[in-house]
């Protein structure tokens, strides 16, 4: 029994390491805090519709995967194109709210890292703007994010971003229709 427990511990350890990320040390504390700040800044900038601030968090090209929400295939696109897409959907009176937690960062070298986190977001439109939708104002989604980071001359930047939806509810009309 003792050997079976030891074997189970050895087998399970890599999975726990993947879930936990790289342990925080004095040497990587600032880098980990900066990556969390960057991801949170993206969320805050999107919600505030501050598109230059959101854009400043990315490398010039970014690999994106939002296929769990919109279908299609992951793609490498100019970061400017990502911001144009987001800003085209979140215009006028359409609001958004993003919340992130459980950040786990794994370093893949001195200049590369991946951050996993849980996320929640909603989009809201005033009911008066939704006659086609029966007045339902809200769309919500829960899921996991994966942000890839690379160290650049300007500091850490996001070079990949994946969102995997685990649940959603509410109005698809609100999700898909730009505000006016």
Foldseek 3Di string as FASTA:
>chain_A
DVVVVVVVCVVCVVVVCVLAADDDDPVCVVVLVVVVVLVVQLQVCLQVVVLVSNLVQADQWAWEAACLPVNDDIDIDGSVVVSVVSSQAADDQKGKHKDKDSWHKYDPDPFKIKIKIKMKMKIFDQQVQPPVFVSWTMKMWIFMKIWIWGQDPVGIHTRYIYTNTPDMDTDVCRVPHHDD
